Amino acid sequence: VGLLRKQAQEDSSLDGAVPIPLESGSGEEELERVIQAV
């Protein structure tokens, strides 16, 4: 996931690129949001 997040940052200027947010540890709902981004 860390590698994918780094790649997403490098791809940020590409059309349609999907960012992967950092996980702040604030519960199941946020975890699902991060997983869905991956």
PDB file of all heavy atoms in Angstrom:
ATOM      1  N   VAL A   1       0.839  -1.200   0.000  1.00  0.00           N
ATOM      2  CA  VAL A   1       0.000   0.000   0.000  1.00  0.00           C
ATOM      3  C   VAL A   1       0.878   1.256   0.000  1.00  0.00           C
ATOM      4  O   VAL A   1       0.575   2.250  -0.693  1.00  0.00           O
ATOM      5  CB  VAL A   1      -0.956   0.004   1.212  1.00  0.00           C
ATOM      6  CG1 VAL A   1      -1.679   1.340   1.336  1.00  0.00           C
ATOM      7  CG2 VAL A   1      -1.959  -1.144   1.091  1.00  0.00           C
ATOM      8  N   GLY A   2       1.975   1.216   0.742  1.00  0.00           N
ATOM      9  CA  GLY A   2       2.889   2.355   0.767  1.00  0.00           C
ATOM     10  C   GLY A   2       3.470   2.658  -0.615  1.00  0.00           C
ATOM     11  O   GLY A   2       3.566   3.827  -1.018  1.00  0.00           O
ATOM     12  N   LEU A   3       3.829   1.601  -1.350  1.00  0.00           N
ATOM     13  CA  LEU A   3       4.345   1.787  -2.712  1.00  0.00           C
ATOM     14  C   LEU A   3       3.273   2.354  -3.625  1.00  0.00           C
ATOM     15  O   LEU A   3       3.535   3.235  -4.451  1.00  0.00           O
ATOM     16  CB  LEU A   3       4.841   0.450  -3.274  1.00  0.00           C
ATOM     17  CG  LEU A   3       6.328   0.130  -3.173  1.00  0.00           C
ATOM     18  CD1 LEU A   3       6.631  -1.177  -3.906  1.00  0.00           C
ATOM     19  CD2 LEU A   3       7.184   1.254  -3.753  1.00  0.00           C
ATOM     20  N   LEU A   4       2.056   1.848  -3.495  1.00  0.00           N
ATOM     21  CA  LEU A   4       0.951   2.347  -4.314  1.00  0.00           C
ATOM     22  C   LEU A   4       0.660   3.817  -3.996  1.00  0.00           C
ATOM     23  O   LEU A   4       0.377   4.619  -4.895  1.00  0.00           O
ATOM     24  CB  LEU A   4      -0.305   1.501  -4.087  1.00  0.00           C
ATOM     25  CG  LEU A   4      -0.297   0.103  -4.727  1.00  0.00           C
ATOM     26  CD1 LEU A   4      -1.392  -0.761  -4.127  1.00  0.00           C
ATOM     27  CD2 LEU A   4      -0.464   0.197  -6.246  1.00  0.00           C
ATOM     28  N   ARG A   5       0.729   4.170  -2.710  1.00  0.00           N
ATOM     29  CA  ARG A   5       0.484   5.560  -2.312  1.00  0.00           C
ATOM     30  C   ARG A   5       1.556   6.482  -2.904  1.00  0.00           C
ATOM     31  O   ARG A   5       1.255   7.571  -3.418  1.00  0.00           O
ATOM     32  CB  ARG A   5       0.459   5.664  -0.786  1.00  0.00           C
ATOM     33  CG  ARG A   5       0.101   7.046  -0.275  1.00  0.00           C
ATOM     34  CD  ARG A   5       0.034   7.078   1.233  1.00  0.00           C
ATOM     35  NE  ARG A   5      -1.203   6.472   1.738  1.00  0.00           N
ATOM     36  CZ  ARG A   5      -1.268   5.404   2.528  1.00  0.00           C
ATOM     37  NH1 ARG A   5      -0.147   4.794   2.910  1.00  0.00           N
ATOM     38  NH2 ARG A   5      -2.422   4.928   2.933  1.00  0.00           N
ATOM     39  N   LYS A   6       2.820   6.027  -2.859  1.00  0.00           N
ATOM     40  CA  LYS A   6       3.914   6.802  -3.438  1.00  0.00           C
ATOM     41  C   LYS A   6       3.712   6.969  -4.944  1.00  0.00           C
ATOM     42  O   LYS A   6       3.905   8.063  -5.502  1.00  0.00           O
ATOM     43  CB  LYS A   6       5.253   6.117  -3.143  1.00  0.00           C
ATOM     44  CG  LYS A   6       6.461   6.889  -3.645  1.00  0.00           C
ATOM     45  CD  LYS A   6       7.741   6.133  -3.326  1.00  0.00           C
ATOM     46  CE  LYS A   6       8.953   6.883  -3.895  1.00  0.00           C
ATOM     47  NZ  LYS A   6      10.218   6.129  -3.693  1.00  0.00           N
ATOM     48  N   GLN A   7       3.311   5.887  -5.611  1.00  0.00           N
ATOM     49  CA  GLN A   7       3.052   5.953  -7.046  1.00  0.00           C
ATOM     50  C   GLN A   7       1.901   6.910  -7.346  1.00  0.00           C
ATOM     51  O   GLN A   7       1.937   7.672  -8.312  1.00  0.00           O
ATOM     52  CB  GLN A   7       2.722   4.550  -7.590  1.00  0.00           C
ATOM     53  CG  GLN A   7       2.522   4.493  -9.105  1.00  0.00           C
ATOM     54  CD  GLN A   7       3.782   4.825  -9.867  1.00  0.00           C
ATOM     55  OE1 GLN A   7       4.838   4.263  -9.606  1.00  0.00           O
ATOM     56  NE2 GLN A   7       3.671   5.752 -10.811  1.00  0.00           N
ATOM     57  N   ALA A   8       0.875   6.883  -6.499  1.00  0.00           N
ATOM     58  CA  ALA A   8      -0.275   7.774  -6.687  1.00  0.00           C
ATOM     59  C   ALA A   8       0.137   9.236  -6.588  1.00  0.00           C
ATOM     60  O   ALA A   8      -0.371  10.089  -7.325  1.00  0.00           O
ATOM     61  CB  ALA A   8      -1.355   7.453  -5.654  1.00  0.00           C
ATOM     62  N   GLN A   9       1.069   9.529  -5.686  1.00  0.00           N
ATOM     63  CA  GLN A   9       1.570  10.900  -5.566  1.00  0.00           C
ATOM     64  C   GLN A   9       2.303  11.325  -6.837  1.00  0.00           C
ATOM     65  O   GLN A   9       2.144  12.448  -7.330  1.00  0.00           O
ATOM     66  CB  GLN A   9       2.495  11.010  -4.354  1.00  0.00           C
ATOM     67  CG  GLN A   9       1.761  10.883  -3.013  1.00  0.00           C
ATOM     68  CD  GLN A   9       2.713  10.715  -1.842  1.00  0.00           C
ATOM     69  OE1 GLN A   9       3.897  10.432  -2.023  1.00  0.00           O
ATOM     70  NE2 GLN A   9       2.187  10.871  -0.629  1.00  0.00           N
ATOM     71  N   GLU A  10       3.100  10.394  -7.401  1.00  0.00           N
ATOM     72  CA  GLU A  10       3.822  10.694  -8.642  1.00  0.00           C
ATOM     73  C   GLU A  10       2.856  10.868  -9.818  1.00  0.00           C
ATOM     74  O   GLU A  10       3.141  11.593 -10.773  1.00  0.00           O
ATOM     75  CB  GLU A  10       4.819   9.570  -8.947  1.00  0.00           C
ATOM     76  CG  GLU A  10       5.948   9.461  -7.946  1.00  0.00           C
ATOM     77  CD  GLU A  10       6.830   8.250  -8.188  1.00  0.00           C
ATOM     78  OE1 GLU A  10       6.686   7.611  -9.258  1.00  0.00           O
ATOM     79  OE2 GLU A  10       7.667   7.938  -7.324  1.00  0.00           O
ATOM     80  N   ASP A  11       1.705  10.188  -9.730  1.00  0.00           N
ATOM     81  CA  ASP A  11       0.722  10.220 -10.825  1.00  0.00           C
ATOM     82  C   ASP A  11      -0.289  11.351 -10.686  1.00  0.00           C
ATOM     83  O   ASP A  11      -1.204  11.470 -11.509  1.00  0.00           O
ATOM     84  CB  ASP A  11      -0.058   8.887 -10.864  1.00  0.00           C
ATOM     85  CG  ASP A  11       0.818   7.714 -11.246  1.00  0.00           C
ATOM     86  OD1 ASP A  11       1.885   7.938 -11.842  1.00  0.00           O
ATOM     87  OD2 ASP A  11       0.415   6.572 -10.946  1.00  0.00           O
ATOM     88  N   SER A  12      -0.138  12.186  -9.655  1.00  0.00           N
ATOM     89  CA  SER A  12      -1.200  13.139  -9.310  1.00  0.00           C
ATOM     90  C   SER A  12      -1.583  14.082 -10.451  1.00  0.00           C
ATOM     91  O   SER A  12      -2.718  14.575 -10.494  1.00  0.00           O
ATOM     92  CB  SER A  12      -0.793  13.955  -8.078  1.00  0.00           C
ATOM     93  OG  SER A  12       0.410  14.672  -8.353  1.00  0.00           O
ATOM     94  N   SER A  13      -0.670  14.317 -11.374  1.00  0.00           N
ATOM     95  CA  SER A  13      -0.975  15.234 -12.475  1.00  0.00           C
ATOM     96  C   SER A  13      -1.635  14.533 -13.670  1.00  0.00           C
ATOM     97  O   SER A  13      -2.043  15.197 -14.624  1.00  0.00           O
ATOM     98  CB  SER A  13       0.307  15.927 -12.954  1.00  0.00           C
ATOM     99  OG  SER A  13       1.225  14.966 -13.450  1.00  0.00           O
ATOM    100  N   LEU A  14      -1.735  13.223 -13.606  1.00  0.00           N
ATOM    101  CA  LEU A  14      -2.319  12.471 -14.723  1.00  0.00           C
ATOM    102  C   LEU A  14      -3.843  12.525 -14.680  1.00  0.00           C
ATOM    103  O   LEU A  14      -4.448  12.537 -13.607  1.00  0.00           O
ATOM    104  CB  LEU A  14      -1.858  11.017 -14.685  1.00  0.00           C
ATOM    105  CG  LEU A  14      -0.347  10.769 -14.831  1.00  0.00           C
ATOM    106  CD1 LEU A  14      -0.059   9.279 -14.772  1.00  0.00           C
ATOM    107  CD2 LEU A  14       0.184  11.367 -16.126  1.00  0.00           C
ATOM    108  N   ASP A  15      -4.448  12.518 -15.843  1.00  0.00           N
ATOM    109  CA  ASP A  15      -5.903  12.571 -15.949  1.00  0.00           C
ATOM    110  C   ASP A  15      -6.527  11.311 -15.342  1.00  0.00           C
ATOM    111  O   ASP A  15      -6.155  10.201 -15.719  1.00  0.00           O
ATOM    112  CB  ASP A  15      -6.302  12.691 -17.427  1.00  0.00           C
ATOM    113  CG  ASP A  15      -7.792  12.903 -17.596  1.00  0.00           C
ATOM    114  OD1 ASP A  15      -8.383  13.638 -16.782  1.00  0.00           O
ATOM    115  OD2 ASP A  15      -8.366  12.321 -18.536  1.00  0.00           O
ATOM    116  N   GLY A  16      -7.429  11.495 -14.410  1.00  0.00           N
ATOM    117  CA  GLY A  16      -8.128  10.366 -13.804  1.00  0.00           C
ATOM    118  C   GLY A  16      -7.398   9.692 -12.667  1.00  0.00           C
ATOM    119  O   GLY A  16      -7.880   8.700 -12.106  1.00  0.00           O
ATOM    120  N   ALA A  17      -6.228  10.192 -12.307  1.00  0.00           N
ATOM    121  CA  ALA A  17      -5.429   9.585 -11.241  1.00  0.00           C
ATOM    122  C   ALA A  17      -6.207   9.535  -9.921  1.00  0.00           C
ATOM    123  O   ALA A  17      -6.967  10.441  -9.609  1.00  0.00           O
ATOM    124  CB  ALA A  17      -4.135  10.359 -11.043  1.00  0.00           C
ATOM    125  N   VAL A  18      -5.990   8.460  -9.170  1.00  0.00           N
ATOM    126  CA  VAL A  18      -6.728   8.257  -7.919  1.00  0.00           C
ATOM    127  C   VAL A  18      -5.770   8.377  -6.734  1.00  0.00           C
ATOM    128  O   VAL A  18      -4.880   7.535  -6.565  1.00  0.00           O
ATOM    129  CB  VAL A  18      -7.398   6.864  -7.897  1.00  0.00           C
ATOM    130  CG1 VAL A  18      -8.155   6.665  -6.587  1.00  0.00           C
ATOM    131  CG2 VAL A  18      -8.321   6.697  -9.092  1.00  0.00           C
ATOM    132  N   PRO A  19      -5.894   9.393  -5.891  1.00  0.00           N
ATOM    133  CA  PRO A  19      -5.017   9.528  -4.727  1.00  0.00           C
ATOM    134  C   PRO A  19      -5.366   8.501  -3.646  1.00  0.00           C
ATOM    135  O   PRO A  19      -6.496   8.017  -3.569  1.00  0.00           O
ATOM    136  CB  PRO A  19      -5.304  10.953  -4.246  1.00  0.00           C
ATOM    137  CG  PRO A  19      -6.716  11.220  -4.689  1.00  0.00           C
ATOM    138  CD  PRO A  19      -6.890  10.479  -5.990  1.00  0.00           C
ATOM    139  N   ILE A  20      -4.378   8.177  -2.822  1.00  0.00           N
ATOM    140  CA  ILE A  20      -4.593   7.249  -1.712  1.00  0.00           C
ATOM    141  C   ILE A  20      -4.266   8.000  -0.422  1.00  0.00           C
ATOM    142  O   ILE A  20      -3.098   8.291  -0.138  1.00  0.00           O
ATOM    143  CB  ILE A  20      -3.711   5.994  -1.834  1.00  0.00           C
ATOM    144  CG1 ILE A  20      -4.015   5.258  -3.145  1.00  0.00           C
ATOM    145  CG2 ILE A  20      -3.923   5.074  -0.627  1.00  0.00           C
ATOM    146  CD1 ILE A  20      -3.094   4.093  -3.429  1.00  0.00           C
ATOM    147  N   PRO A  21      -5.264   8.359   0.378  1.00  0.00           N
ATOM    148  CA  PRO A  21      -5.006   9.146   1.594  1.00  0.00           C
ATOM    149  C   PRO A  21      -4.274   8.327   2.645  1.00  0.00           C
ATOM    150  O   PRO A  21      -4.303   7.085   2.641  1.00  0.00           O
ATOM    151  CB  PRO A  21      -6.419   9.509   2.070  1.00  0.00           C
ATOM    152  CG  PRO A  21      -7.298   8.436   1.513  1.00  0.00           C
ATOM    153  CD  PRO A  21      -6.695   8.040   0.200  1.00  0.00           C
ATOM    154  N   LEU A  22      -3.616   9.026   3.551  1.00  0.00           N
ATOM    155  CA  LEU A  22      -2.994   8.368   4.695  1.00  0.00           C
ATOM    156  C   LEU A  22      -4.070   7.949   5.682  1.00  0.00           C
ATOM    157  O   LEU A  22      -5.137   8.567   5.759  1.00  0.00           O
ATOM    158  CB  LEU A  22      -2.013   9.316   5.380  1.00  0.00           C
ATOM    159  CG  LEU A  22      -0.697   9.564   4.636  1.00  0.00           C
ATOM    160  CD1 LEU A  22       0.038  10.754   5.261  1.00  0.00           C
ATOM    161  CD2 LEU A  22       0.183   8.311   4.685  1.00  0.00           C
ATOM    162  N   GLU A  23      -3.768   6.907   6.419  1.00  0.00           N
ATOM    163  CA  GLU A  23      -4.716   6.408   7.428  1.00  0.00           C
ATOM    164  C   GLU A  23      -4.393   7.070   8.766  1.00  0.00           C
ATOM    165  O   GLU A  23      -3.247   7.017   9.232  1.00  0.00           O
ATOM    166  CB  GLU A  23      -4.577   4.887   7.537  1.00  0.00           C
ATOM    167  CG  GLU A  23      -5.651   4.215   8.349  1.00  0.00           C
ATOM    168  CD  GLU A  23      -5.387   2.708   8.451  1.00  0.00           C
ATOM    169  OE1 GLU A  23      -4.451   2.226   7.814  1.00  0.00           O
ATOM    170  OE2 GLU A  23      -6.118   2.050   9.203  1.00  0.00           O
ATOM    171  N   SER A  24      -5.365   7.711   9.377  1.00  0.00           N
ATOM    172  CA  SER A  24      -5.104   8.408  10.647  1.00  0.00           C
ATOM    173  C   SER A  24      -5.553   7.597  11.857  1.00  0.00           C
ATOM    174  O   SER A  24      -5.425   8.035  12.991  1.00  0.00           O
ATOM    175  CB  SER A  24      -5.817   9.764  10.649  1.00  0.00           C
ATOM    176  OG  SER A  24      -7.222   9.581  10.562  1.00  0.00           O
ATOM    177  N   GLY A  25      -6.090   6.419  11.612  1.00  0.00           N
ATOM    178  CA  GLY A  25      -6.464   5.530  12.704  1.00  0.00           C
ATOM    179  C   GLY A  25      -7.720   5.924  13.435  1.00  0.00           C
ATOM    180  O   GLY A  25      -7.830   5.705  14.643  1.00  0.00           O
ATOM    181  N   SER A  26      -8.680   6.519  12.718  1.00  0.00           N
ATOM    182  CA  SER A  26      -9.891   6.990  13.396  1.00  0.00           C
ATOM    183  C   SER A  26     -11.108   6.117  13.081  1.00  0.00           C
ATOM    184  O   SER A  26     -12.179   6.625  12.814  1.00  0.00           O
ATOM    185  CB  SER A  26     -10.164   8.441  13.005  1.00  0.00           C
ATOM    186  OG  SER A  26     -10.347   8.551  11.611  1.00  0.00           O
ATOM    187  N   GLY A  27     -10.915   4.807  13.076  1.00  0.00           N
ATOM    188  CA  GLY A  27     -12.069   3.925  13.013  1.00  0.00           C
ATOM    189  C   GLY A  27     -12.262   3.169  11.713  1.00  0.00           C
ATOM    190  O   GLY A  27     -11.572   3.379  10.716  1.00  0.00           O
ATOM    191  N   GLU A  28     -13.263   2.274  11.784  1.00  0.00           N
ATOM    192  CA  GLU A  28     -13.547   1.349  10.688  1.00  0.00           C
ATOM    193  C   GLU A  28     -13.978   2.078   9.417  1.00  0.00           C
ATOM    194  O   GLU A  28     -13.602   1.697   8.318  1.00  0.00           O
ATOM    195  CB  GLU A  28     -14.665   0.385  11.132  1.00  0.00           C
ATOM    196  CG  GLU A  28     -14.842  -0.828  10.230  1.00  0.00           C
ATOM    197  CD  GLU A  28     -13.694  -1.819  10.343  1.00  0.00           C
ATOM    198  OE1 GLU A  28     -13.023  -1.840  11.393  1.00  0.00           O
ATOM    199  OE2 GLU A  28     -13.476  -2.553   9.365  1.00  0.00           O
ATOM    200  N   GLU A  29     -14.748   3.123   9.587  1.00  0.00           N
ATOM    201  CA  GLU A  29     -15.257   3.840   8.411  1.00  0.00           C
ATOM    202  C   GLU A  29     -14.125   4.463   7.602  1.00  0.00           C
ATOM    203  O   GLU A  29     -14.112   4.396   6.375  1.00  0.00           O
ATOM    204  CB  GLU A  29     -16.245   4.927   8.857  1.00  0.00           C
ATOM    205  CG  GLU A  29     -16.993   5.568   7.710  1.00  0.00           C
ATOM    206  CD  GLU A  29     -18.055   6.539   8.200  1.00  0.00           C
ATOM    207  OE1 GLU A  29     -18.770   6.210   9.185  1.00  0.00           O
ATOM    208  OE2 GLU A  29     -18.166   7.621   7.600  1.00  0.00           O
ATOM    209  N   GLU A  30     -13.161   5.027   8.312  1.00  0.00           N
ATOM    210  CA  GLU A  30     -12.033   5.638   7.595  1.00  0.00           C
ATOM    211  C   GLU A  30     -11.175   4.561   6.935  1.00  0.00           C
ATOM    212  O   GLU A  30     -10.671   4.751   5.825  1.00  0.00           O
ATOM    213  CB  GLU A  30     -11.183   6.459   8.554  1.00  0.00           C
ATOM    214  CG  GLU A  30     -10.251   7.404   7.794  1.00  0.00           C
ATOM    215  CD  GLU A  30      -8.881   7.520   8.435  1.00  0.00           C
ATOM    216  OE1 GLU A  30      -8.532   6.696   9.295  1.00  0.00           O
ATOM    217  OE2 GLU A  30      -8.175   8.439   8.051  1.00  0.00           O
ATOM    218  N   LEU A  31     -10.990   3.438   7.610  1.00  0.00           N
ATOM    219  CA  LEU A  31     -10.223   2.334   7.032  1.00  0.00           C
ATOM    220  C   LEU A  31     -10.848   1.890   5.708  1.00  0.00           C
ATOM    221  O   LEU A  31     -10.144   1.684   4.711  1.00  0.00           O
ATOM    222  CB  LEU A  31     -10.167   1.159   8.007  1.00  0.00           C
ATOM    223  CG  LEU A  31      -9.517  -0.132   7.479  1.00  0.00           C
ATOM    224  CD1 LEU A  31      -8.081   0.121   7.051  1.00  0.00           C
ATOM    225  CD2 LEU A  31      -9.586  -1.235   8.534  1.00  0.00           C
ATOM    226  N   GLU A  32     -12.183   1.770   5.711  1.00  0.00           N
ATOM    227  CA  GLU A  32     -12.882   1.376   4.478  1.00  0.00           C
ATOM    228  C   GLU A  32     -12.663   2.412   3.376  1.00  0.00           C
ATOM    229  O   GLU A  32     -12.528   2.056   2.195  1.00  0.00           O
ATOM    230  CB  GLU A  32     -14.382   1.197   4.743  1.00  0.00           C
ATOM    231  CG  GLU A  32     -14.741  -0.142   5.367  1.00  0.00           C
ATOM    232  CD  GLU A  32     -14.395  -1.313   4.452  1.00  0.00           C
ATOM    233  OE1 GLU A  32     -14.799  -1.291   3.271  1.00  0.00           O
ATOM    234  OE2 GLU A  32     -13.695  -2.238   4.909  1.00  0.00           O
ATOM    235  N   ARG A  33     -12.615   3.661   3.754  1.00  0.00           N
ATOM    236  CA  ARG A  33     -12.410   4.732   2.774  1.00  0.00           C
ATOM    237  C   ARG A  33     -11.020   4.620   2.136  1.00  0.00           C
ATOM    238  O   ARG A  33     -10.859   4.785   0.931  1.00  0.00           O
ATOM    239  CB  ARG A  33     -12.570   6.087   3.461  1.00  0.00           C
ATOM    240  CG  ARG A  33     -12.500   7.283   2.521  1.00  0.00           C
ATOM    241  CD  ARG A  33     -12.881   8.569   3.259  1.00  0.00           C
ATOM    242  NE  ARG A  33     -11.977   8.859   4.361  1.00  0.00           N
ATOM    243  CZ  ARG A  33     -10.830   9.530   4.239  1.00  0.00           C
ATOM    244  NH1 ARG A  33     -10.469   9.992   3.052  1.00  0.00           N
ATOM    245  NH2 ARG A  33     -10.074   9.765   5.290  1.00  0.00           N
ATOM    246  N   VAL A  34     -10.005   4.321   2.967  1.00  0.00           N
ATOM    247  CA  VAL A  34      -8.639   4.181   2.455  1.00  0.00           C
ATOM    248  C   VAL A  34      -8.537   2.943   1.563  1.00  0.00           C
ATOM    249  O   VAL A  34      -7.942   2.987   0.481  1.00  0.00           O
ATOM    250  CB  VAL A  34      -7.623   4.107   3.612  1.00  0.00           C
ATOM    251  CG1 VAL A  34      -6.220   3.848   3.063  1.00  0.00           C
ATOM    252  CG2 VAL A  34      -7.648   5.387   4.424  1.00  0.00           C
ATOM    253  N   ILE A  35      -9.115   1.840   2.028  1.00  0.00           N
ATOM    254  CA  ILE A  35      -9.080   0.607   1.229  1.00  0.00           C
ATOM    255  C   ILE A  35      -9.756   0.823  -0.116  1.00  0.00           C
ATOM    256  O   ILE A  35      -9.255   0.396  -1.165  1.00  0.00           O
ATOM    257  CB  ILE A  35      -9.728  -0.566   2.006  1.00  0.00           C
ATOM    258  CG1 ILE A  35      -8.810  -1.015   3.142  1.00  0.00           C
ATOM    259  CG2 ILE A  35     -10.034  -1.739   1.065  1.00  0.00           C
ATOM    260  CD1 ILE A  35      -9.391  -2.099   4.031  1.00  0.00           C
ATOM    261  N   GLN A  36     -10.893   1.513  -0.109  1.00  0.00           N
ATOM    262  CA  GLN A  36     -11.596   1.776  -1.367  1.00  0.00           C
ATOM    263  C   GLN A  36     -10.742   2.630  -2.305  1.00  0.00           C
ATOM    264  O   GLN A  36     -10.749   2.421  -3.521  1.00  0.00           O
ATOM    265  CB  GLN A  36     -12.931   2.471  -1.102  1.00  0.00           C
ATOM    266  CG  GLN A  36     -13.802   2.632  -2.347  1.00  0.00           C
ATOM    267  CD  GLN A  36     -14.148   1.297  -2.989  1.00  0.00           C
ATOM    268  OE1 GLN A  36     -14.658   0.388  -2.326  1.00  0.00           O
ATOM    269  NE2 GLN A  36     -13.868   1.161  -4.283  1.00  0.00           N
ATOM    270  N   ALA A  37      -9.981   3.563  -1.740  1.00  0.00           N
ATOM    271  CA  ALA A  37      -9.088   4.386  -2.567  1.00  0.00           C
ATOM    272  C   ALA A  37      -8.000   3.530  -3.214  1.00  0.00           C
ATOM    273  O   ALA A  37      -7.657   3.723  -4.388  1.00  0.00           O
ATOM    274  CB  ALA A  37      -8.462   5.488  -1.718  1.00  0.00           C
ATOM    275  N   VAL A  38      -7.472   2.567  -2.451  1.00  0.00           N
ATOM    276  CA  VAL A  38      -6.465   1.657  -3.013  1.00  0.00           C
ATOM    277  C   VAL A  38      -7.086   0.824  -4.135  1.00  0.00           C
ATOM    278  O   VAL A  38      -6.494   0.667  -5.215  1.00  0.00           O
ATOM    279  CB  VAL A  38      -5.876   0.733  -1.920  1.00  0.00           C
ATOM    280  CG1 VAL A  38      -4.883  -0.251  -2.543  1.00  0.00           C
ATOM    281  CG2 VAL A  38      -5.200   1.543  -0.820  1.00  0.00           C
TER     282      VAL A  38
END
